Amino acid sequence: MKTLIMAVTALLLIGAGYTKKEKDMTPKSFHDFVVETISGEQLDLSTLKGKKVLVVNTASKCGFTKQYEGLQELYETYGPDKFTIIGFPANNFANQEPGTNDEIQEFCQINYGVTFPMMAKISVKGDDQHPVYQWLTKKELNGKKDSNVRWNFQKYLIDEEGQLVDVLSTQTKPSSKKIVSWITG
């Protein structure tokens, strides 16, 4: 019975974006999550161990949407072996991502040729905040710092061990010296 309860709990947490941990169910690393891709598959973020990851919340109808172009250039230049970008579409700001996953994926491919991994649409703040963004924004979970997601295209830098390194504002361009130096450093 105890094994059954542990298995059900683990499945519920995996469904919520967490992976199974035998002794401690609290994620300590970005690599402790499983997320859904925009095409509906599961992505175990532990497969990104050894890579630097730029996490960005995206929107198709935002003044910063053109950053998709810079993100794609960054990915083509430095990815995917030791660096990747993960886009999380979110409709948390001024209804600027109203589309379905299929519509978002089509928009990204047609308009910007996006080939970096895009995840299923989530909420990046509020009562329904996705577990990955809970970890990204709460020092008690990530061990580094608290932050608020202030707008679309805010960026989180994750190191090769799955630890939060920094949070960058929407205004920070993908080609910024800070991002490029971090990737190449």
Protein backbone atom coordinates (compact mmCIF):
# COMPACT_ATOMS: atom_id res chain seq x y z
CA MET A 1 0.00 0.00 0.00
CA LYS A 2 2.84 2.41 0.86
CA THR A 3 4.41 1.73 -2.54
CA LEU A 4 1.10 2.43 -4.27
CA ILE A 5 0.69 5.75 -2.43
CA MET A 6 4.26 6.77 -3.32
CA ALA A 7 3.68 5.85 -6.97
CA VAL A 8 0.42 7.83 -7.18
CA THR A 9 2.06 10.83 -5.49
CA ALA A 10 4.98 10.69 -7.90
CA LEU A 11 2.64 10.53 -10.90
CA LEU A 12 0.65 13.50 -9.63
CA LEU A 13 3.84 15.51 -9.16
CA ILE A 14 5.14 14.51 -12.60
CA GLY A 15 1.84 15.71 -14.06
CA ALA A 16 2.37 19.01 -12.25
CA GLY A 17 5.83 19.41 -13.76
CA TYR A 18 7.92 17.66 -11.10
CA THR A 19 9.96 14.51 -11.46
CA LYS A 20 10.05 11.72 -8.89
CA LYS A 21 12.45 12.05 -5.97
CA GLU A 22 12.47 9.23 -3.43
CA LYS A 23 13.46 11.19 -0.32
CA ASP A 24 12.60 14.78 -1.17
CA MET A 25 9.87 15.86 -3.56
CA THR A 26 10.99 19.52 -3.60
CA PRO A 27 12.90 20.37 -6.79
CA LYS A 28 16.43 21.57 -6.07
CA SER A 29 17.42 22.06 -9.68
CA PHE A 30 15.94 23.05 -13.03
CA HIS A 31 16.81 19.49 -14.04
CA ASP A 32 14.24 18.11 -11.56
CA PHE A 33 11.30 19.03 -13.82
CA VAL A 34 9.44 17.36 -16.64
CA VAL A 35 7.56 19.75 -18.93
CA GLU A 36 5.25 19.41 -21.88
CA THR A 37 6.52 20.54 -25.28
CA ILE A 38 4.35 22.60 -27.59
CA SER A 39 3.68 19.43 -29.60
CA GLY A 40 2.44 17.56 -26.51
CA GLU A 41 5.48 15.40 -25.71
CA GLN A 42 7.18 15.20 -22.32
CA LEU A 43 10.62 16.77 -21.93
CA ASP A 44 12.66 15.67 -18.93
CA LEU A 45 14.83 18.69 -18.20
CA SER A 46 17.49 16.39 -16.72
CA THR A 47 18.39 15.64 -20.35
CA LEU A 48 19.81 19.19 -20.44
CA LYS A 49 22.51 18.48 -17.85
CA GLY A 50 25.80 19.89 -19.10
CA LYS A 51 24.11 22.66 -21.12
CA LYS A 52 23.52 26.29 -20.31
CA VAL A 53 19.83 27.12 -20.73
CA LEU A 54 18.15 30.44 -21.42
CA VAL A 55 14.50 30.25 -20.31
CA VAL A 56 12.17 32.89 -21.73
CA ASN A 57 8.42 33.49 -21.49
CA THR A 58 7.13 34.38 -24.93
CA ALA A 59 4.10 35.99 -26.56
CA SER A 60 3.09 36.39 -30.21
CA LYS A 61 1.36 39.77 -29.95
CA CYS A 62 3.83 41.75 -27.86
CA GLY A 63 6.02 44.71 -28.71
CA PHE A 64 8.98 42.46 -27.86
CA THR A 65 7.86 39.56 -30.11
CA LYS A 66 10.63 40.47 -32.56
CA GLN A 67 13.04 39.06 -29.95
CA TYR A 68 12.16 35.66 -31.42
CA GLU A 69 14.49 36.60 -34.27
CA GLY A 70 17.39 37.35 -31.91
CA LEU A 71 16.69 34.24 -29.86
CA GLN A 72 16.77 32.09 -32.99
CA GLU A 73 20.07 33.70 -34.10
CA LEU A 74 21.53 33.04 -30.64
CA TYR A 75 20.41 29.41 -30.80
CA GLU A 76 21.83 28.94 -34.30
CA THR A 77 25.16 30.49 -33.25
CA TYR A 78 25.71 28.76 -29.88
CA GLY A 79 23.29 25.83 -29.66
CA PRO A 80 22.33 23.12 -29.30
CA ASP A 81 25.31 21.13 -27.97
CA LYS A 82 26.36 23.19 -24.93
CA PHE A 83 23.57 25.79 -24.94
CA THR A 84 19.85 25.83 -25.57
CA ILE A 85 16.86 28.13 -25.30
CA ILE A 86 13.51 27.04 -23.96
CA GLY A 87 10.50 29.18 -24.77
CA PHE A 88 7.42 29.08 -22.56
CA PRO A 89 4.47 30.82 -24.23
CA ALA A 90 2.29 32.57 -21.66
CA ASN A 91 -0.81 34.73 -21.81
CA ASN A 92 -0.24 36.56 -18.52
CA PHE A 93 0.28 40.06 -19.90
CA ALA A 94 -2.43 42.03 -21.73
CA ASN A 95 -3.77 38.92 -23.55
CA GLN A 96 -0.71 38.95 -25.83
CA GLU A 97 -0.58 35.15 -26.29
CA PRO A 98 -4.20 34.14 -26.90
CA GLY A 99 -3.42 31.34 -29.36
CA THR A 100 -3.48 27.59 -28.95
CA ASN A 101 -0.25 25.58 -28.88
CA ASP A 102 -0.72 24.73 -32.57
CA GLU A 103 -1.28 28.39 -33.49
CA ILE A 104 1.75 29.51 -31.46
CA GLN A 105 3.96 26.85 -33.03
CA GLU A 106 2.84 27.82 -36.54
CA PHE A 107 3.37 31.53 -35.80
CA CYS A 108 6.91 30.92 -34.51
CA GLN A 109 7.91 28.75 -37.45
CA ILE A 110 6.37 30.88 -40.21
CA ASN A 111 7.44 34.29 -38.90
CA TYR A 112 10.76 33.57 -37.20
CA GLY A 113 11.88 30.07 -38.23
CA VAL A 114 12.08 29.05 -34.57
CA THR A 115 13.89 25.75 -34.08
CA PHE A 116 14.77 26.06 -30.39
CA PRO A 117 12.50 24.06 -28.06
CA MET A 118 9.11 25.61 -27.38
CA MET A 119 6.96 24.30 -24.55
CA ALA A 120 3.19 24.14 -24.15
CA LYS A 121 1.53 27.39 -23.11
CA ILE A 122 1.64 27.92 -19.34
CA SER A 123 1.06 30.58 -16.72
CA VAL A 124 4.24 32.27 -15.49
CA LYS A 125 2.66 34.12 -12.56
CA GLY A 126 -0.42 34.14 -10.36
CA ASP A 127 -2.38 31.40 -8.64
CA ASP A 128 -1.91 29.02 -11.56
CA GLN A 129 1.84 29.64 -11.96
CA HIS A 130 3.57 26.63 -13.47
CA PRO A 131 5.94 24.74 -11.11
CA VAL A 132 8.99 25.61 -13.26
CA TYR A 133 8.23 29.30 -12.83
CA GLN A 134 7.58 28.82 -9.13
CA TRP A 135 11.12 27.44 -8.91
CA LEU A 136 12.55 30.21 -11.09
CA THR A 137 10.94 33.01 -9.05
CA LYS A 138 11.22 31.80 -5.44
CA LYS A 139 14.57 31.88 -3.61
CA GLU A 140 13.28 29.27 -1.15
CA LEU A 141 13.12 26.86 -4.12
CA ASN A 142 15.98 27.95 -6.39
CA GLY A 143 18.44 28.93 -3.64
CA LYS A 144 19.57 32.05 -5.53
CA LYS A 145 17.01 34.86 -5.60
CA ASP A 146 13.38 35.92 -5.67
CA SER A 147 12.03 37.56 -8.80
CA ASN A 148 8.76 38.57 -10.37
CA VAL A 149 7.95 37.93 -14.00
CA ARG A 150 7.24 41.50 -15.05
CA TRP A 151 6.49 41.10 -18.77
CA ASN A 152 6.91 38.88 -21.81
CA PHE A 153 10.44 37.89 -22.87
CA GLN A 154 11.96 38.03 -19.39
CA LYS A 155 14.99 35.77 -19.34
CA TYR A 156 16.39 33.30 -16.80
CA LEU A 157 19.91 31.93 -17.12
CA ILE A 158 20.43 28.35 -15.92
CA ASP A 159 23.90 26.81 -15.63
CA GLU A 160 25.05 23.34 -16.67
CA GLU A 161 24.14 21.91 -13.25
CA GLY A 162 20.57 23.24 -13.44
CA GLN A 163 21.08 26.14 -11.05
CA LEU A 164 19.68 29.63 -11.51
CA VAL A 165 22.44 32.09 -12.40
CA ASP A 166 20.58 35.33 -13.14
CA VAL A 167 17.34 36.98 -14.20
CA LEU A 168 17.36 39.47 -17.07
CA SER A 169 14.68 41.96 -17.99
CA THR A 170 12.54 41.97 -21.07
CA GLN A 171 14.60 44.84 -22.44
CA THR A 172 17.77 42.72 -22.46
CA LYS A 173 18.23 41.73 -26.09
CA PRO A 174 19.21 38.13 -26.87
CA SER A 175 22.39 39.43 -28.52
CA SER A 176 23.39 41.45 -25.43
CA LYS A 177 26.99 41.28 -24.28
CA LYS A 178 25.80 39.92 -20.92
CA ILE A 179 24.06 36.91 -22.50
CA VAL A 180 26.77 36.18 -25.08
CA SER A 181 29.53 36.46 -22.44
CA TRP A 182 27.61 34.10 -20.18
CA ILE A 183 27.17 31.52 -22.97
CA THR A 184 30.78 31.67 -24.08
CA GLY A 185 32.32 32.03 -20.61
